[in-house]
Amino acid sequence: MAAPAPAPDQHSRLQEAADLFNAHLFGGELSPVYLTLQHKPGCYGYFSPDRFRAADGALISSIALDSVTAVDRPLIELLSTLVHEQCHQLIYERSGCKSTGAHGPAWRQAMQRCGLPPLQVGATWKKATHRIDPAGLFAQVFSAEREQLQALPWQERHGTTARSRGTDRVKFTCPSCQQNAWGRPAAELLCGSCSSPGAMVRMIGTNDHGPRSGGPGAGGNEPEPTNSPGLPVWTDELGREVRVHTGIDHPPATAAEATAVMSHGLAANGHAGLWQQWQGAPDLELLKSIYRIRARQTHPDAGGSTEAFKMVQIAYVWLKKLCS
């Protein structure tokens, strides 16, 4: 028997999942959308209102899931991102196609009803991720309909092949400004935008979609971030992992939680005095020094983890607001 054509097979599975959740979570209220797989750095999915136009002028919105992690992510997490974006679609259509509601109250209420409690990433709701409530409606539907929900068979290769030399390339990302570059897996790349003579910023290499560990310069001097990075679907396992490095098991959503993340482990490494000095008189230059210490401690190449490193970045953006 011939293998199914890859494109129809891939997209039919995604469409079946979207239709099933539309029926069970939204009462069939959602209009058809153009489902696709795209790669957008730092993003596991996104809703684009009225993105496609037909020959007769009709418009249709789009939901895209990350093409690079479509196979590697657990199916329940991948499909929870699909529902996350369907909640954006719901708010857009209920508003008369005027606004997606961003991550505002209406969207957060829709997510709660679906059993996907939203999590704020940073000081505002500009960026958000979510948890999967094991007793929530999404988890119940996923469990009851598990036999109908099929994993996606294909995902995009993160590395590309150089046509002229046939050399495998991998992606490198600056941990601060999130700019990307491509090079050989063994390369050591520095970010030209963030590096300075006194602080060279090493870009993190990837193999498929995971950070490459090891190598010289791991955990080097890191510049302070300008905004909060994105985070994946939050799980209990991920929470336990980051707690070791940050002292809390979820993204910091208050100044107190940001303080806990930034101060974690400083005393054990002989930096208690620096932290006490900052608490007595919050100063931006002091905070930058503390951030670079914590960045070195949590950097993936220094024994930390990608998510713990991002939580320190989020904490810095929070605490910068308190500095004089």
Protein backbone atom coordinates (compact mmCIF):
# COMPACT_ATOMS: atom_id res chain seq x y z
CA MET A 1 0.00 0.00 0.00
CA ALA A 2 1.40 3.38 -0.98
CA ALA A 3 2.25 5.85 1.77
CA PRO A 4 -0.17 8.78 2.08
CA ALA A 5 0.81 12.04 0.43
CA PRO A 6 2.68 13.96 3.15
CA ALA A 7 1.03 17.39 2.86
CA PRO A 8 -2.63 16.24 2.95
CA ASP A 9 -1.80 13.72 5.69
CA GLN A 10 -0.11 16.37 7.85
CA HIS A 11 -2.81 18.99 7.47
CA SER A 12 -5.77 16.61 7.74
CA ARG A 13 -4.56 15.60 11.20
CA LEU A 14 -4.28 19.23 12.24
CA GLN A 15 -7.72 20.02 10.80
CA GLU A 16 -9.33 17.09 12.59
CA ALA A 17 -7.89 18.29 15.90
CA ALA A 18 -9.08 21.86 15.28
CA ASP A 19 -12.60 20.67 14.40
CA LEU A 20 -12.76 18.42 17.45
CA PHE A 21 -11.76 21.16 19.90
CA ASN A 22 -14.04 23.65 18.17
CA ALA A 23 -16.95 21.29 18.78
CA HIS A 24 -16.12 20.33 22.37
CA LEU A 25 -14.61 23.55 23.75
CA PHE A 26 -16.31 26.28 21.70
CA GLY A 27 -19.64 24.70 20.79
CA GLY A 28 -18.78 24.88 17.08
CA GLU A 29 -18.77 28.70 17.25
CA LEU A 30 -15.45 29.22 15.48
CA SER A 31 -15.34 29.90 11.75
CA PRO A 32 -13.03 27.87 9.49
CA VAL A 33 -9.44 29.11 9.46
CA TYR A 34 -6.40 28.42 7.33
CA LEU A 35 -4.25 26.05 9.41
CA THR A 36 -0.55 26.05 8.70
CA LEU A 37 2.88 25.35 10.13
CA GLN A 38 5.37 28.22 10.25
CA HIS A 39 8.50 28.98 12.24
CA LYS A 40 8.56 32.27 14.14
CA PRO A 41 11.47 32.52 16.62
CA GLY A 42 10.37 32.51 20.26
CA CYS A 43 6.80 31.56 19.38
CA TYR A 44 4.99 28.21 19.46
CA GLY A 45 1.94 29.47 17.59
CA TYR A 46 0.02 32.58 16.54
CA PHE A 47 -3.37 33.71 15.24
CA SER A 48 -3.43 36.05 12.23
CA PRO A 49 -6.79 37.74 11.51
CA ASP A 50 -7.89 37.87 7.85
CA ARG A 51 -4.49 36.76 6.63
CA PHE A 52 -5.57 35.07 3.38
CA ARG A 53 -7.72 36.41 0.55
CA ALA A 54 -9.64 34.39 -2.03
CA ALA A 55 -10.01 35.30 -5.70
CA ASP A 56 -13.51 36.66 -4.98
CA GLY A 57 -12.14 38.91 -2.21
CA ALA A 58 -13.30 36.78 0.74
CA LEU A 59 -10.95 36.86 3.73
CA ILE A 60 -10.01 34.05 6.09
CA SER A 61 -7.94 34.07 9.26
CA SER A 62 -4.99 31.79 9.96
CA ILE A 63 -3.65 29.78 12.88
CA ALA A 64 -0.01 28.72 12.63
CA LEU A 65 1.82 26.25 14.84
CA ASP A 66 5.59 26.09 15.04
CA SER A 67 6.92 23.98 12.16
CA VAL A 68 10.24 23.19 13.87
CA THR A 69 8.77 21.53 16.99
CA ALA A 70 5.62 19.97 15.49
CA VAL A 71 6.85 16.39 16.00
CA ASP A 72 9.12 16.75 19.02
CA ARG A 73 6.60 18.43 21.32
CA PRO A 74 4.25 16.14 23.28
CA LEU A 75 0.96 16.03 21.40
CA ILE A 76 -1.03 17.37 24.36
CA GLU A 77 1.22 20.45 24.52
CA LEU A 78 1.13 21.01 20.76
CA LEU A 79 -2.67 20.87 20.71
CA SER A 80 -2.96 23.06 23.80
CA THR A 81 -1.16 25.73 21.74
CA LEU A 82 -3.74 25.20 19.00
CA VAL A 83 -6.53 25.87 21.54
CA HIS A 84 -4.57 28.87 22.90
CA GLU A 85 -4.77 30.38 19.41
CA GLN A 86 -8.39 29.34 18.97
CA CYS A 87 -9.16 31.44 22.07
CA HIS A 88 -7.65 34.43 20.25
CA GLN A 89 -9.86 33.60 17.27
CA LEU A 90 -12.92 33.40 19.54
CA ILE A 91 -12.33 36.89 20.96
CA TYR A 92 -11.66 38.30 17.48
CA GLU A 93 -14.88 36.93 16.04
CA ARG A 94 -16.96 37.93 19.07
CA SER A 95 -15.63 41.48 18.76
CA GLY A 96 -17.04 41.73 15.26
CA CYS A 97 -13.59 41.11 13.76
CA LYS A 98 -12.21 44.29 15.31
CA SER A 99 -9.74 43.02 17.91
CA THR A 100 -8.05 39.78 18.99
CA GLY A 101 -8.07 41.03 22.58
CA ALA A 102 -4.35 40.25 22.83
CA HIS A 103 -3.83 38.53 26.20
CA GLY A 104 -6.45 40.71 27.87
CA PRO A 105 -9.24 39.76 30.31
CA ALA A 106 -11.59 38.27 27.69
CA TRP A 107 -8.88 35.99 26.32
CA ARG A 108 -7.78 34.98 29.83
CA GLN A 109 -11.36 34.08 30.75
CA ALA A 110 -11.68 31.96 27.61
CA MET A 111 -8.44 30.16 28.44
CA GLN A 112 -9.62 29.48 32.00
CA ARG A 113 -12.88 28.02 30.72
CA CYS A 114 -10.92 25.71 28.43
CA GLY A 115 -8.79 24.44 31.33
CA LEU A 116 -5.63 26.21 30.20
CA PRO A 117 -4.82 28.70 33.01
CA PRO A 118 -2.79 31.53 31.43
CA LEU A 119 0.56 32.63 32.82
CA GLN A 120 1.85 36.16 32.47
CA VAL A 121 5.39 36.42 31.07
CA GLY A 122 7.05 39.53 32.43
CA ALA A 123 5.60 42.69 33.94
CA THR A 124 2.61 42.87 31.57
CA TRP A 125 0.38 40.49 29.61
CA LYS A 126 2.03 41.40 26.31
CA LYS A 127 3.50 37.90 26.31
CA ALA A 128 1.83 34.89 27.88
CA THR A 129 1.98 31.12 28.05
CA HIS A 130 -0.29 28.66 29.87
CA ARG A 131 -0.52 25.54 32.00
CA ILE A 132 -2.64 22.48 31.30
CA ASP A 133 -5.07 21.84 34.17
CA PRO A 134 -5.22 18.02 34.51
CA ALA A 135 -8.86 18.32 35.63
CA GLY A 136 -9.75 21.01 33.08
CA LEU A 137 -11.95 20.71 30.02
CA PHE A 138 -9.08 20.58 27.50
CA ALA A 139 -7.37 17.70 29.33
CA GLN A 140 -10.68 15.85 29.62
CA VAL A 141 -11.43 16.20 25.91
CA PHE A 142 -7.87 15.23 24.96
CA SER A 143 -8.11 12.09 27.12
CA ALA A 144 -11.58 11.10 25.89
CA GLU A 145 -10.74 11.65 22.22
CA ARG A 146 -7.13 10.49 22.32
CA GLU A 147 -7.63 7.78 19.69
CA GLN A 148 -8.90 10.35 17.18
CA LEU A 149 -6.07 12.82 17.79
CA GLN A 150 -3.05 11.90 15.71
CA ALA A 151 0.49 13.17 16.11
CA LEU A 152 1.85 15.16 13.19
CA PRO A 153 4.25 13.09 11.07
CA TRP A 154 6.52 15.89 9.79
CA GLN A 155 8.42 18.88 11.13
CA GLU A 156 10.78 21.34 9.54
CA ARG A 157 14.51 20.73 9.92
CA HIS A 158 15.98 23.53 12.01
CA GLY A 159 19.38 23.27 10.35
CA THR A 160 19.73 23.81 6.62
CA THR A 161 22.23 22.44 4.14
CA ALA A 162 24.60 24.85 2.44
CA ARG A 163 24.10 24.28 -1.28
CA SER A 164 27.61 25.18 -2.33
CA ARG A 165 29.53 22.95 0.06
CA GLY A 166 26.96 20.52 1.39
CA THR A 167 27.82 21.54 4.96
CA ASP A 168 25.21 21.05 7.67
CA ARG A 169 24.29 24.34 9.32
CA VAL A 170 22.60 24.98 12.64
CA LYS A 171 20.90 28.05 14.04
CA PHE A 172 22.53 30.29 16.67
CA THR A 173 20.47 32.73 18.76
CA CYS A 174 21.64 35.66 20.87
CA PRO A 175 20.29 35.10 24.41
CA SER A 176 19.71 38.83 24.82
CA CYS A 177 18.39 40.38 21.59
CA GLN A 178 17.15 37.06 20.06
CA GLN A 179 18.84 37.74 16.70
CA ASN A 180 19.67 34.61 14.72
CA ALA A 181 22.63 33.44 12.66
CA TRP A 182 23.56 30.15 11.00
CA GLY A 183 26.86 28.34 11.00
CA ARG A 184 28.60 25.00 11.33
CA PRO A 185 27.68 23.04 14.50
CA ALA A 186 31.18 23.48 15.97
CA ALA A 187 31.26 27.25 15.38
CA GLU A 188 31.52 29.78 18.22
CA LEU A 189 29.52 32.86 17.23
CA LEU A 190 29.40 36.22 19.02
CA CYS A 191 26.52 38.68 18.71
CA GLY A 192 27.79 41.80 16.97
CA SER A 193 24.89 43.92 18.26
CA CYS A 194 25.23 43.05 21.94
CA SER A 195 28.98 42.40 22.32
CA SER A 196 31.38 45.07 23.50
CA PRO A 197 35.12 44.99 24.19
CA GLY A 198 34.39 44.28 27.86
CA ALA A 199 31.51 41.84 27.41
CA MET A 200 31.51 39.43 24.50
CA VAL A 201 28.11 37.78 24.08
CA ARG A 202 28.19 34.20 22.84
CA MET A 203 25.22 33.06 20.72
CA ILE A 204 23.58 29.80 21.75
CA GLY A 205 23.78 27.10 19.09
CA THR A 206 20.91 24.73 18.44
CA ASN A 207 20.54 21.20 17.22
CA ASP A 208 17.05 21.03 15.80
CA HIS A 209 15.35 23.15 18.48
CA GLY A 210 17.36 22.53 21.66
CA PRO A 211 20.26 24.55 23.04
CA ARG A 212 23.73 23.24 22.35
CA SER A 213 25.66 22.80 25.59
CA GLY A 214 29.33 22.85 26.36
CA GLY A 215 32.15 24.61 24.61
CA PRO A 216 34.38 27.50 25.59
CA GLY A 217 32.87 30.71 26.81
CA ALA A 218 29.81 29.04 28.34
CA GLY A 219 27.92 31.43 30.56
CA GLY A 220 30.02 34.43 29.56
CA ASN A 221 29.13 38.05 30.26
CA GLU A 222 25.54 38.65 29.22
CA PRO A 223 24.10 42.07 28.39
CA GLU A 224 20.89 43.06 30.11
CA PRO A 225 17.74 42.22 28.09
CA THR A 226 15.44 44.90 26.78
CA ASN A 227 12.23 42.85 26.99
CA SER A 228 10.89 39.57 28.32
CA PRO A 229 11.48 36.43 26.20
CA GLY A 230 8.74 33.97 25.27
CA LEU A 231 8.19 30.73 27.22
CA PRO A 232 6.82 27.29 26.29
CA VAL A 233 3.71 25.60 27.69
CA TRP A 234 4.35 25.38 31.41
CA THR A 235 4.39 21.89 32.94
CA ASP A 236 4.99 20.55 36.45
CA GLU A 237 8.20 18.90 35.24
CA LEU A 238 9.45 22.20 33.85
CA GLY A 239 8.51 23.92 37.08
CA ARG A 240 10.53 21.45 39.13
CA GLU A 241 13.53 21.92 36.85
CA VAL A 242 13.59 25.72 36.99
CA ARG A 243 12.95 25.80 40.74
CA VAL A 244 16.45 24.39 41.28
CA HIS A 245 17.95 27.41 39.50
CA THR A 246 15.48 30.16 40.39
CA GLY A 247 13.75 29.30 43.66
CA ILE A 248 10.24 29.34 42.16
CA ASP A 249 8.44 26.93 39.84
CA HIS A 250 6.66 29.38 37.53
CA PRO A 251 7.46 32.55 35.56
CA PRO A 252 7.78 35.61 37.83
CA ALA A 253 4.61 37.67 37.61
CA THR A 254 5.18 40.09 40.49
CA ALA A 255 8.06 42.18 41.78
CA ALA A 256 8.34 39.85 44.79
CA GLU A 257 8.71 36.79 42.54
CA ALA A 258 11.21 38.61 40.34
CA THR A 259 13.20 39.41 43.49
CA ALA A 260 13.18 35.73 44.48
CA VAL A 261 14.49 34.69 41.04
CA MET A 262 17.23 37.33 40.92
CA SER A 263 18.48 36.72 44.47
CA HIS A 264 18.41 32.92 44.33
CA GLY A 265 21.84 31.39 44.86
CA LEU A 266 23.68 34.69 45.30
CA ALA A 267 24.54 34.12 48.97
CA ALA A 268 25.83 30.61 48.29
CA ASN A 269 28.22 32.05 45.72
CA GLY A 270 29.54 34.89 47.86
CA HIS A 271 27.41 37.71 46.43
CA ALA A 272 25.06 38.33 49.37
CA GLY A 273 26.63 41.73 50.03
CA LEU A 274 25.97 42.92 46.48
CA TRP A 275 22.32 41.93 46.75
CA GLN A 276 21.92 43.62 50.14
CA GLN A 277 23.46 46.77 48.70
CA TRP A 278 20.93 46.79 45.86
CA GLN A 279 18.01 46.19 48.25
CA GLY A 280 19.10 49.16 50.33
CA ALA A 281 19.29 51.46 47.32
CA PRO A 282 17.97 49.97 44.04
CA ASP A 283 20.44 51.12 41.40
CA LEU A 284 20.41 50.14 37.74
CA GLU A 285 24.18 49.62 37.45
CA LEU A 286 24.13 47.36 40.50
CA LEU A 287 21.22 45.43 39.03
CA LYS A 288 23.15 44.95 35.78
CA SER A 289 26.05 43.45 37.75
CA ILE A 290 23.69 41.12 39.60
CA TYR A 291 21.97 40.14 36.37
CA ARG A 292 25.28 39.13 34.76
CA ILE A 293 26.11 36.95 37.77
CA ARG A 294 22.72 35.24 37.61
CA ALA A 295 22.96 34.91 33.82
CA ARG A 296 26.26 33.06 34.20
CA GLN A 297 24.71 30.79 36.85
CA THR A 298 21.63 29.86 34.81
CA HIS A 299 23.03 29.86 31.27
CA PRO A 300 22.36 26.52 29.49
CA ASP A 301 26.06 26.16 28.68
CA ALA A 302 26.98 26.57 32.36
CA GLY A 303 24.74 23.84 33.79
CA GLY A 304 21.54 25.88 33.92
CA SER A 305 18.59 25.60 31.55
CA THR A 306 17.05 27.63 28.76
CA GLU A 307 13.87 28.33 30.74
CA ALA A 308 15.74 29.26 33.95
CA PHE A 309 17.91 31.66 31.94
CA LYS A 310 14.79 33.24 30.44
CA MET A 311 13.24 33.61 33.90
CA VAL A 312 16.28 35.60 35.03
CA GLN A 313 15.81 37.83 31.98
CA ILE A 314 12.14 38.33 32.90
CA ALA A 315 13.12 39.12 36.51
CA TYR A 316 15.61 41.73 35.32
CA VAL A 317 12.99 43.49 33.19
CA TRP A 318 10.70 43.53 36.23
CA LEU A 319 13.27 44.86 38.72
CA LYS A 320 14.60 47.51 36.35
CA LYS A 321 11.32 49.35 36.98
CA LEU A 322 12.25 49.69 40.68
CA CYS A 323 15.62 51.30 40.05
CA SER A 324 16.16 54.99 40.65
